[in-house]
N, C-alpha and C. Protein backbone atom coordinates (compact mmCIF):
# COMPACT_ATOMS: atom_id res chain seq x y z
N MET A 1 49.17 2.85 42.69
CA MET A 1 48.71 4.03 43.38
C MET A 1 47.90 4.88 42.41
N PHE A 2 46.74 5.33 42.84
CA PHE A 2 45.85 6.15 42.01
C PHE A 2 45.96 7.60 42.44
N GLN A 3 46.18 8.46 41.45
CA GLN A 3 46.29 9.88 41.75
C GLN A 3 45.67 10.65 40.62
N GLU A 4 44.88 11.63 40.96
CA GLU A 4 44.21 12.44 39.96
C GLU A 4 45.05 13.69 39.71
N ILE A 5 45.52 13.85 38.46
CA ILE A 5 46.36 14.99 38.09
C ILE A 5 45.82 15.57 36.79
N PRO A 6 45.69 16.88 36.71
CA PRO A 6 45.29 17.48 35.43
C PRO A 6 46.29 17.12 34.34
N TYR A 7 45.79 16.88 33.16
CA TYR A 7 46.62 16.41 32.04
C TYR A 7 47.79 17.34 31.75
N ASP A 8 47.57 18.63 31.78
CA ASP A 8 48.64 19.56 31.43
C ASP A 8 49.70 19.70 32.53
N ARG A 9 49.53 19.06 33.67
CA ARG A 9 50.49 19.13 34.77
C ARG A 9 51.39 17.88 34.84
N VAL A 10 51.17 16.91 33.99
CA VAL A 10 51.97 15.68 34.02
C VAL A 10 53.32 15.95 33.37
N PRO A 11 54.42 15.62 34.05
CA PRO A 11 55.75 15.80 33.44
C PRO A 11 55.90 14.91 32.20
N SER A 12 56.64 15.35 31.23
CA SER A 12 56.76 14.64 29.96
C SER A 12 57.46 13.29 30.09
N ASP A 13 58.26 13.08 31.12
CA ASP A 13 58.97 11.81 31.28
C ASP A 13 58.19 10.81 32.14
N SER A 14 56.96 11.12 32.50
CA SER A 14 56.14 10.24 33.33
C SER A 14 55.60 9.07 32.53
N ILE A 15 55.44 7.96 33.22
CA ILE A 15 54.82 6.77 32.61
C ILE A 15 53.40 6.69 33.15
N VAL A 16 52.46 6.73 32.24
CA VAL A 16 51.06 6.70 32.62
C VAL A 16 50.54 5.29 32.35
N GLU A 17 50.04 4.66 33.41
CA GLU A 17 49.51 3.31 33.26
C GLU A 17 48.00 3.30 33.08
N TYR A 18 47.32 4.29 33.54
CA TYR A 18 45.87 4.30 33.50
C TYR A 18 45.38 5.73 33.32
N VAL A 19 44.48 5.94 32.36
CA VAL A 19 43.87 7.24 32.14
C VAL A 19 42.37 7.03 32.10
N SER A 20 41.67 7.83 32.84
CA SER A 20 40.22 7.76 32.84
C SER A 20 39.68 9.13 32.44
N LEU A 21 38.79 9.15 31.48
CA LEU A 21 38.16 10.40 31.07
C LEU A 21 36.78 10.46 31.69
N ASP A 22 36.49 11.56 32.33
CA ASP A 22 35.21 11.74 32.99
C ASP A 22 34.51 12.93 32.33
N PHE A 23 33.29 12.72 31.87
CA PHE A 23 32.54 13.76 31.17
C PHE A 23 31.34 14.19 31.99
N ASP A 24 30.88 15.41 31.75
CA ASP A 24 29.73 15.93 32.48
C ASP A 24 28.44 15.20 32.10
N LYS A 25 28.34 14.84 30.84
CA LYS A 25 27.16 14.10 30.39
C LYS A 25 27.61 13.01 29.43
N PRO A 26 26.79 11.99 29.21
CA PRO A 26 27.19 10.88 28.35
C PRO A 26 27.52 11.33 26.93
N LEU A 27 28.41 10.59 26.32
CA LEU A 27 28.80 10.87 24.94
C LEU A 27 27.76 10.29 23.99
N SER A 28 27.58 10.96 22.87
CA SER A 28 26.78 10.36 21.81
C SER A 28 27.66 9.32 21.13
N PHE A 29 27.05 8.49 20.31
CA PHE A 29 27.83 7.45 19.61
C PHE A 29 28.85 8.09 18.68
N GLU A 30 28.49 9.21 18.05
CA GLU A 30 29.42 9.90 17.16
C GLU A 30 30.61 10.46 17.95
N GLN A 31 30.35 11.03 19.11
CA GLN A 31 31.44 11.55 19.94
C GLN A 31 32.35 10.42 20.42
N TYR A 32 31.74 9.29 20.77
CA TYR A 32 32.52 8.13 21.19
C TYR A 32 33.44 7.68 20.07
N ASN A 33 32.92 7.59 18.84
CA ASN A 33 33.74 7.18 17.70
C ASN A 33 34.85 8.17 17.42
N THR A 34 34.56 9.46 17.55
CA THR A 34 35.59 10.48 17.34
C THR A 34 36.71 10.33 18.37
N LEU A 35 36.33 10.13 19.62
CA LEU A 35 37.32 9.95 20.68
C LEU A 35 38.14 8.69 20.44
N LYS A 36 37.48 7.62 20.07
CA LYS A 36 38.18 6.35 19.82
C LYS A 36 39.13 6.50 18.63
N ASN A 37 38.69 7.20 17.59
CA ASN A 37 39.55 7.41 16.42
C ASN A 37 40.73 8.32 16.75
N SER A 38 40.57 9.20 17.72
CA SER A 38 41.67 10.07 18.13
C SER A 38 42.82 9.27 18.72
N PHE A 39 42.50 8.15 19.35
CA PHE A 39 43.51 7.29 19.95
C PHE A 39 43.92 6.15 19.01
N SER A 40 43.56 6.22 17.74
CA SER A 40 43.79 5.10 16.84
C SER A 40 45.27 4.76 16.67
N SER A 41 46.15 5.74 16.80
CA SER A 41 47.58 5.46 16.61
C SER A 41 48.16 4.64 17.76
N ILE A 42 47.50 4.63 18.92
CA ILE A 42 48.02 3.87 20.06
C ILE A 42 47.01 2.83 20.55
N LEU A 43 46.09 2.42 19.70
CA LEU A 43 45.06 1.45 20.11
C LEU A 43 45.65 0.12 20.57
N ASP A 44 46.84 -0.23 20.11
CA ASP A 44 47.44 -1.49 20.54
C ASP A 44 47.94 -1.41 21.99
N ARG A 45 48.05 -0.19 22.53
CA ARG A 45 48.54 -0.03 23.90
C ARG A 45 47.46 0.42 24.88
N ILE A 46 46.26 0.67 24.39
CA ILE A 46 45.19 1.13 25.29
C ILE A 46 43.97 0.25 25.14
N GLU A 47 43.11 0.32 26.11
CA GLU A 47 41.85 -0.41 26.08
C GLU A 47 40.72 0.62 26.12
N VAL A 48 39.89 0.60 25.09
CA VAL A 48 38.75 1.52 25.04
C VAL A 48 37.51 0.70 25.37
N TRP A 49 36.81 1.10 26.40
CA TRP A 49 35.62 0.37 26.81
C TRP A 49 34.54 0.51 25.76
N ARG A 50 33.64 -0.46 25.75
CA ARG A 50 32.55 -0.41 24.78
C ARG A 50 31.63 0.78 25.08
N TYR A 51 30.91 1.18 24.08
CA TYR A 51 30.04 2.34 24.19
C TYR A 51 28.82 2.02 25.04
N ILE A 52 28.61 2.79 26.11
CA ILE A 52 27.41 2.69 26.95
C ILE A 52 26.72 4.04 26.85
N PRO A 53 25.55 4.11 26.20
CA PRO A 53 24.97 5.41 25.87
C PRO A 53 24.48 6.26 27.03
N PHE A 54 24.06 5.67 28.14
CA PHE A 54 23.45 6.47 29.20
C PHE A 54 23.95 6.02 30.56
N TYR A 55 23.80 6.89 31.51
CA TYR A 55 24.06 6.50 32.89
C TYR A 55 22.98 5.51 33.32
N ASP A 56 23.32 4.64 34.24
CA ASP A 56 22.41 3.56 34.65
C ASP A 56 21.04 4.05 35.10
N GLU A 57 21.00 5.14 35.84
CA GLU A 57 19.71 5.58 36.38
C GLU A 57 18.78 6.14 35.30
N ASP A 58 19.32 6.57 34.16
CA ASP A 58 18.50 7.12 33.08
C ASP A 58 18.20 6.11 31.98
N TYR A 59 18.86 4.98 32.00
CA TYR A 59 18.75 4.03 30.90
C TYR A 59 17.33 3.54 30.69
N TRP A 60 16.61 3.24 31.76
CA TRP A 60 15.24 2.74 31.64
C TRP A 60 14.34 3.76 30.96
N MET A 61 14.57 5.06 31.24
CA MET A 61 13.72 6.10 30.68
C MET A 61 13.87 6.17 29.15
N TYR A 62 15.11 6.05 28.68
CA TYR A 62 15.33 6.14 27.24
C TYR A 62 14.94 4.85 26.53
N ASN A 63 15.06 3.72 27.19
CA ASN A 63 14.52 2.48 26.61
C ASN A 63 13.01 2.60 26.48
N SER A 64 12.38 3.21 27.48
CA SER A 64 10.93 3.42 27.43
C SER A 64 10.56 4.35 26.29
N ALA A 65 11.36 5.39 26.09
CA ALA A 65 11.10 6.33 24.99
C ALA A 65 11.23 5.63 23.64
N MET A 66 12.23 4.76 23.52
CA MET A 66 12.40 4.03 22.26
C MET A 66 11.25 3.04 22.05
N LEU A 67 10.85 2.36 23.10
CA LEU A 67 9.73 1.42 23.00
C LEU A 67 8.45 2.17 22.64
N ALA A 68 8.24 3.32 23.25
CA ALA A 68 7.06 4.13 22.94
C ALA A 68 7.08 4.56 21.48
N SER A 69 8.25 4.91 20.97
CA SER A 69 8.36 5.31 19.56
C SER A 69 7.98 4.16 18.63
N LEU A 70 8.42 2.97 18.97
CA LEU A 70 8.09 1.81 18.13
C LEU A 70 6.60 1.46 18.22
N LEU A 71 6.02 1.60 19.40
CA LEU A 71 4.58 1.36 19.54
C LEU A 71 3.78 2.40 18.77
N ILE A 72 4.26 3.63 18.77
CA ILE A 72 3.59 4.68 17.99
C ILE A 72 3.64 4.35 16.50
N ALA A 73 4.74 3.77 16.04
CA ALA A 73 4.84 3.36 14.64
C ALA A 73 3.80 2.29 14.32
N VAL A 74 3.59 1.35 15.24
CA VAL A 74 2.58 0.30 15.03
C VAL A 74 1.18 0.91 15.04
N VAL A 75 0.90 1.78 15.99
CA VAL A 75 -0.42 2.41 16.06
C VAL A 75 -0.67 3.27 14.82
N ALA A 76 0.35 3.99 14.37
CA ALA A 76 0.21 4.81 13.16
C ALA A 76 -0.10 3.93 11.95
N ALA A 77 0.54 2.78 11.88
CA ALA A 77 0.28 1.86 10.76
C ALA A 77 -1.16 1.37 10.79
N PHE A 78 -1.66 1.01 11.97
CA PHE A 78 -3.05 0.56 12.06
C PHE A 78 -4.02 1.71 11.80
N ASN A 79 -3.66 2.90 12.19
CA ASN A 79 -4.48 4.07 11.90
C ASN A 79 -4.59 4.27 10.39
N LEU A 80 -3.48 4.09 9.70
CA LEU A 80 -3.49 4.20 8.24
C LEU A 80 -4.37 3.12 7.63
N VAL A 81 -4.33 1.92 8.18
CA VAL A 81 -5.14 0.82 7.66
C VAL A 81 -6.62 1.14 7.80
N VAL A 82 -7.01 1.70 8.92
CA VAL A 82 -8.42 2.07 9.13
C VAL A 82 -8.83 3.14 8.11
N LEU A 83 -7.97 4.12 7.90
CA LEU A 83 -8.26 5.17 6.91
C LEU A 83 -8.33 4.58 5.50
N TYR A 84 -7.39 3.70 5.19
CA TYR A 84 -7.36 3.12 3.86
C TYR A 84 -8.54 2.18 3.63
N HIS A 85 -9.06 1.57 4.67
CA HIS A 85 -10.26 0.75 4.54
C HIS A 85 -11.41 1.59 4.00
N TYR A 86 -11.56 2.78 4.54
CA TYR A 86 -12.61 3.69 4.06
C TYR A 86 -12.40 4.01 2.58
N VAL A 87 -11.16 4.27 2.19
CA VAL A 87 -10.86 4.59 0.79
C VAL A 87 -11.20 3.40 -0.11
N LEU A 88 -10.84 2.20 0.30
CA LEU A 88 -11.12 1.03 -0.52
C LEU A 88 -12.61 0.76 -0.66
N VAL A 89 -13.36 0.96 0.40
CA VAL A 89 -14.80 0.76 0.34
C VAL A 89 -15.42 1.76 -0.63
N ARG A 90 -14.93 2.98 -0.63
CA ARG A 90 -15.46 4.02 -1.52
C ARG A 90 -15.07 3.79 -2.98
N ARG A 91 -14.06 2.97 -3.23
CA ARG A 91 -13.58 2.75 -4.60
C ARG A 91 -14.08 1.44 -5.20
N GLN A 92 -15.21 0.97 -4.76
CA GLN A 92 -15.74 -0.30 -5.26
C GLN A 92 -16.04 -0.25 -6.76
N LYS A 93 -16.60 0.87 -7.23
CA LYS A 93 -16.92 0.98 -8.66
C LYS A 93 -15.64 1.00 -9.50
N SER A 94 -14.62 1.68 -9.02
CA SER A 94 -13.33 1.69 -9.73
C SER A 94 -12.76 0.29 -9.82
N LEU A 95 -12.88 -0.47 -8.75
CA LEU A 95 -12.39 -1.84 -8.74
C LEU A 95 -13.17 -2.69 -9.74
N ALA A 96 -14.46 -2.46 -9.85
CA ALA A 96 -15.27 -3.20 -10.83
C ALA A 96 -14.81 -2.88 -12.24
N ILE A 97 -14.52 -1.62 -12.51
CA ILE A 97 -14.04 -1.22 -13.85
C ILE A 97 -12.69 -1.86 -14.12
N PHE A 98 -11.80 -1.86 -13.12
CA PHE A 98 -10.49 -2.51 -13.28
C PHE A 98 -10.67 -3.99 -13.64
N GLN A 99 -11.58 -4.66 -12.93
CA GLN A 99 -11.78 -6.09 -13.16
C GLN A 99 -12.44 -6.34 -14.51
N LEU A 100 -13.35 -5.47 -14.94
CA LEU A 100 -13.96 -5.63 -16.26
C LEU A 100 -12.94 -5.44 -17.38
N CYS A 101 -11.93 -4.64 -17.11
CA CYS A 101 -10.88 -4.40 -18.11
C CYS A 101 -9.78 -5.46 -18.05
N GLY A 102 -9.95 -6.47 -17.21
CA GLY A 102 -9.01 -7.58 -17.19
C GLY A 102 -8.06 -7.61 -16.01
N CYS A 103 -8.25 -6.74 -15.07
CA CYS A 103 -7.38 -6.72 -13.88
C CYS A 103 -7.75 -7.90 -12.98
N THR A 104 -6.78 -8.71 -12.67
CA THR A 104 -7.04 -9.85 -11.78
C THR A 104 -7.13 -9.38 -10.34
N LYS A 105 -7.65 -10.25 -9.49
CA LYS A 105 -7.75 -9.91 -8.08
C LYS A 105 -6.36 -9.70 -7.46
N GLY A 106 -5.43 -10.56 -7.83
CA GLY A 106 -4.06 -10.43 -7.32
C GLY A 106 -3.41 -9.12 -7.73
N ARG A 107 -3.62 -8.73 -8.98
CA ARG A 107 -3.06 -7.45 -9.46
C ARG A 107 -3.73 -6.28 -8.75
N ALA A 108 -5.02 -6.36 -8.51
CA ALA A 108 -5.73 -5.28 -7.80
C ALA A 108 -5.21 -5.16 -6.37
N ILE A 109 -4.96 -6.29 -5.73
CA ILE A 109 -4.43 -6.26 -4.36
C ILE A 109 -3.04 -5.63 -4.37
N ARG A 110 -2.18 -6.07 -5.31
CA ARG A 110 -0.83 -5.48 -5.39
C ARG A 110 -0.88 -3.99 -5.69
N LEU A 111 -1.83 -3.58 -6.52
CA LEU A 111 -2.00 -2.17 -6.85
C LEU A 111 -2.36 -1.36 -5.61
N TYR A 112 -3.28 -1.86 -4.81
CA TYR A 112 -3.70 -1.16 -3.59
C TYR A 112 -2.57 -1.11 -2.56
N VAL A 113 -1.84 -2.21 -2.42
CA VAL A 113 -0.72 -2.23 -1.47
C VAL A 113 0.35 -1.24 -1.91
N ALA A 114 0.69 -1.26 -3.20
CA ALA A 114 1.71 -0.32 -3.72
C ALA A 114 1.25 1.13 -3.56
N GLU A 115 -0.02 1.37 -3.83
CA GLU A 115 -0.56 2.72 -3.69
C GLU A 115 -0.46 3.21 -2.25
N SER A 116 -0.81 2.35 -1.31
CA SER A 116 -0.75 2.76 0.10
C SER A 116 0.69 3.00 0.53
N LEU A 117 1.62 2.15 0.07
CA LEU A 117 3.02 2.34 0.44
C LEU A 117 3.61 3.60 -0.21
N MET A 118 3.16 3.92 -1.41
CA MET A 118 3.64 5.15 -2.06
C MET A 118 3.18 6.40 -1.31
N LEU A 119 2.08 6.28 -0.60
CA LEU A 119 1.60 7.39 0.21
C LEU A 119 2.26 7.43 1.59
N THR A 120 2.44 6.27 2.19
CA THR A 120 2.90 6.25 3.58
C THR A 120 4.40 6.35 3.76
N VAL A 121 5.17 5.75 2.88
CA VAL A 121 6.64 5.78 3.05
C VAL A 121 7.17 7.21 3.03
N PRO A 122 6.81 8.04 2.04
CA PRO A 122 7.30 9.43 2.09
C PRO A 122 6.80 10.19 3.32
N CYS A 123 5.56 9.91 3.74
CA CYS A 123 5.03 10.58 4.94
C CYS A 123 5.83 10.18 6.18
N TYR A 124 6.16 8.90 6.32
CA TYR A 124 6.96 8.46 7.46
C TYR A 124 8.33 9.12 7.44
N CYS A 125 8.97 9.11 6.27
CA CYS A 125 10.32 9.70 6.15
C CYS A 125 10.28 11.20 6.46
N LEU A 126 9.29 11.90 5.94
CA LEU A 126 9.16 13.33 6.21
C LEU A 126 8.92 13.58 7.70
N SER A 127 8.09 12.76 8.32
CA SER A 127 7.83 12.90 9.76
C SER A 127 9.09 12.67 10.58
N ALA A 128 9.86 11.66 10.22
CA ALA A 128 11.10 11.37 10.95
C ALA A 128 12.10 12.51 10.81
N VAL A 129 12.23 13.04 9.60
CA VAL A 129 13.16 14.16 9.38
C VAL A 129 12.69 15.39 10.14
N LEU A 130 11.40 15.68 10.08
CA LEU A 130 10.84 16.82 10.81
C LEU A 130 11.07 16.67 12.31
N TYR A 131 10.81 15.49 12.84
CA TYR A 131 11.01 15.25 14.27
C TYR A 131 12.48 15.43 14.65
N HIS A 132 13.35 14.80 13.86
CA HIS A 132 14.77 14.81 14.22
C HIS A 132 15.40 16.20 14.16
N PHE A 133 15.03 16.97 13.14
CA PHE A 133 15.70 18.26 12.94
C PHE A 133 14.94 19.46 13.51
N VAL A 134 13.67 19.29 13.83
CA VAL A 134 12.90 20.43 14.36
C VAL A 134 12.46 20.20 15.80
N LEU A 135 11.87 19.07 16.09
CA LEU A 135 11.28 18.85 17.41
C LEU A 135 12.23 18.28 18.44
N LEU A 136 13.28 17.61 18.01
CA LEU A 136 14.18 16.98 18.96
C LEU A 136 14.95 17.99 19.81
N LYS A 137 15.31 19.12 19.21
CA LYS A 137 16.05 20.16 19.96
C LYS A 137 15.27 20.67 21.18
N PRO A 138 13.99 21.05 21.02
CA PRO A 138 13.26 21.48 22.23
C PRO A 138 13.11 20.37 23.27
N PHE A 139 12.97 19.13 22.83
CA PHE A 139 12.86 18.02 23.77
C PHE A 139 14.16 17.79 24.53
N THR A 140 15.29 18.17 23.92
CA THR A 140 16.58 17.99 24.57
C THR A 140 16.69 18.86 25.82
N ARG A 141 15.99 19.96 25.86
CA ARG A 141 16.00 20.81 27.05
C ARG A 141 15.32 20.11 28.23
N ILE A 142 14.29 19.32 27.93
CA ILE A 142 13.56 18.60 28.98
C ILE A 142 14.27 17.28 29.32
N PHE A 143 14.67 16.54 28.29
CA PHE A 143 15.37 15.27 28.44
C PHE A 143 16.77 15.42 27.84
N PRO A 144 17.78 15.71 28.64
CA PRO A 144 19.09 16.08 28.10
C PRO A 144 19.77 15.05 27.23
N TYR A 145 19.47 13.77 27.37
CA TYR A 145 20.16 12.75 26.58
C TYR A 145 19.29 12.13 25.50
N ILE A 146 18.15 12.71 25.25
CA ILE A 146 17.22 12.08 24.30
C ILE A 146 17.78 12.07 22.88
N ASP A 147 18.63 13.04 22.55
CA ASP A 147 19.21 13.04 21.20
C ASP A 147 20.10 11.82 20.98
N THR A 148 20.66 11.27 22.05
CA THR A 148 21.45 10.05 21.93
C THR A 148 20.56 8.83 21.71
N ALA A 149 19.35 8.87 22.26
CA ALA A 149 18.43 7.73 22.12
C ALA A 149 17.93 7.58 20.69
N TYR A 150 17.74 8.70 20.00
CA TYR A 150 17.19 8.64 18.65
C TYR A 150 18.33 8.54 17.65
N SER A 151 18.70 7.33 17.35
CA SER A 151 19.77 7.05 16.41
C SER A 151 19.18 6.60 15.08
N LEU A 152 20.04 6.45 14.11
CA LEU A 152 19.61 5.95 12.80
C LEU A 152 19.01 4.55 12.95
N ARG A 153 19.55 3.77 13.88
CA ARG A 153 19.03 2.42 14.10
C ARG A 153 17.57 2.44 14.56
N LEU A 154 17.24 3.37 15.46
CA LEU A 154 15.87 3.48 15.94
C LEU A 154 14.93 3.88 14.80
N TYR A 155 15.34 4.87 14.00
CA TYR A 155 14.51 5.30 12.87
C TYR A 155 14.33 4.16 11.87
N ALA A 156 15.40 3.42 11.59
CA ALA A 156 15.30 2.30 10.65
C ALA A 156 14.41 1.19 11.19
N THR A 157 14.51 0.91 12.49
CA THR A 157 13.65 -0.11 13.10
C THR A 157 12.20 0.32 13.07
N GLY A 158 11.94 1.57 13.43
CA GLY A 158 10.57 2.10 13.37
C GLY A 158 10.02 2.06 11.95
N PHE A 159 10.86 2.42 10.99
CA PHE A 159 10.44 2.39 9.59
C PHE A 159 10.12 0.96 9.16
N GLY A 160 10.97 0.03 9.53
CA GLY A 160 10.74 -1.37 9.17
C GLY A 160 9.45 -1.91 9.78
N ILE A 161 9.22 -1.60 11.05
CA ILE A 161 7.99 -2.05 11.70
C ILE A 161 6.78 -1.42 11.04
N PHE A 162 6.85 -0.12 10.79
CA PHE A 162 5.74 0.61 10.18
C PHE A 162 5.39 0.04 8.80
N VAL A 163 6.40 -0.13 7.95
CA VAL A 163 6.16 -0.63 6.59
C VAL A 163 5.67 -2.08 6.63
N THR A 164 6.23 -2.89 7.51
CA THR A 164 5.80 -4.29 7.60
C THR A 164 4.35 -4.40 8.04
N VAL A 165 4.01 -3.68 9.10
CA VAL A 165 2.62 -3.72 9.60
C VAL A 165 1.67 -3.18 8.53
N CYS A 166 2.03 -2.06 7.90
CA CYS A 166 1.18 -1.50 6.84
C CYS A 166 0.99 -2.47 5.70
N THR A 167 2.08 -3.05 5.23
CA THR A 167 2.01 -3.96 4.08
C THR A 167 1.13 -5.17 4.39
N ILE A 168 1.37 -5.80 5.52
CA ILE A 168 0.59 -6.99 5.87
C ILE A 168 -0.89 -6.63 6.06
N ALA A 169 -1.15 -5.58 6.81
CA ALA A 169 -2.54 -5.21 7.09
C ALA A 169 -3.28 -4.76 5.83
N ILE A 170 -2.62 -3.95 5.00
CA ILE A 170 -3.27 -3.50 3.75
C ILE A 170 -3.46 -4.69 2.81
N TRP A 171 -2.52 -5.60 2.79
CA TRP A 171 -2.65 -6.79 1.94
C TRP A 171 -3.89 -7.59 2.36
N ILE A 172 -4.02 -7.84 3.64
CA ILE A 172 -5.18 -8.60 4.15
C ILE A 172 -6.48 -7.84 3.88
N LEU A 173 -6.47 -6.56 4.17
CA LEU A 173 -7.66 -5.73 3.96
C LEU A 173 -8.04 -5.69 2.48
N SER A 174 -7.06 -5.49 1.61
CA SER A 174 -7.34 -5.44 0.17
C SER A 174 -7.87 -6.78 -0.33
N ALA A 175 -7.25 -7.86 0.13
CA ALA A 175 -7.70 -9.19 -0.31
C ALA A 175 -9.14 -9.43 0.13
N ARG A 176 -9.46 -9.00 1.34
CA ARG A 176 -10.83 -9.19 1.83
C ARG A 176 -11.83 -8.37 1.02
N ILE A 177 -11.48 -7.13 0.72
CA ILE A 177 -12.41 -6.25 -0.01
C ILE A 177 -12.52 -6.67 -1.47
N VAL A 178 -11.40 -7.04 -2.09
CA VAL A 178 -11.44 -7.45 -3.50
C VAL A 178 -12.23 -8.74 -3.66
N SER A 179 -12.12 -9.66 -2.72
CA SER A 179 -12.79 -10.96 -2.83
C SER A 179 -14.22 -10.94 -2.30
N LYS A 180 -14.62 -9.89 -1.64
CA LYS A 180 -15.90 -9.86 -0.93
C LYS A 180 -17.11 -9.84 -1.87
N HIS A 181 -17.07 -9.04 -2.92
CA HIS A 181 -18.24 -8.87 -3.79
C HIS A 181 -17.89 -9.19 -5.23
N SER A 182 -18.91 -9.51 -5.99
CA SER A 182 -18.71 -9.81 -7.41
C SER A 182 -18.62 -8.51 -8.20
N ILE A 183 -18.17 -8.63 -9.45
CA ILE A 183 -18.06 -7.46 -10.33
C ILE A 183 -19.42 -6.85 -10.57
N VAL A 184 -20.42 -7.68 -10.73
CA VAL A 184 -21.77 -7.19 -11.00
C VAL A 184 -22.28 -6.35 -9.82
N GLU A 185 -22.05 -6.80 -8.61
CA GLU A 185 -22.48 -6.03 -7.42
C GLU A 185 -21.75 -4.69 -7.36
N ARG A 186 -20.45 -4.69 -7.65
CA ARG A 186 -19.69 -3.44 -7.60
C ARG A 186 -20.14 -2.49 -8.70
N LYS A 187 -20.31 -3.01 -9.89
CA LYS A 187 -20.68 -2.18 -11.02
C LYS A 187 -22.05 -1.55 -10.84
N GLY A 188 -22.97 -2.29 -10.26
CA GLY A 188 -24.32 -1.80 -10.05
C GLY A 188 -24.45 -0.87 -8.86
N GLY A 189 -23.39 -0.70 -8.10
CA GLY A 189 -23.43 0.19 -6.95
C GLY A 189 -24.14 -0.41 -5.75
N VAL A 190 -24.31 -1.74 -5.74
CA VAL A 190 -24.99 -2.40 -4.64
C VAL A 190 -24.14 -2.29 -3.38
N VAL A 191 -22.81 -2.32 -3.55
CA VAL A 191 -21.91 -2.31 -2.40
C VAL A 191 -21.82 -0.92 -1.83
């Protein structure tokens, strides 16, 4: 028999076979873990359902938001590559000087990739921190569960995609630019 009774009205000698907690809005993963840890002393006698972050009707919207975030990371990486292409083209004389001083093509490519990552990784991290701690609160008023969608996993995945796309694209771009012209052409300013 199912009966809904407020918790504080249950007699102390009652045997409770089933308890269901109903919340006004979905729990965040941290709240779920706190609740689960609160029942840790009796976990052998209860069943805690797995964490489901959103109600069914809203789930597609937050998956779309996460997918959009990852696509933005890819677009941002390609945007950086286009910008860095301009920088590399402008640095042809510097590259010629590096090569005259004994810098190999492989070392020049690694230097350019490392330089681009030293610029982009802190910018990505700063952007993520700024978004999470400054911009996410106003967005929560419009999308009440969006703070649950943006987890550490999403930021780490976005970061991984961003760095991977940047590294591969800058590597290819650098290799193409370093191998494209001879030292004499670069030194003479022909390029």
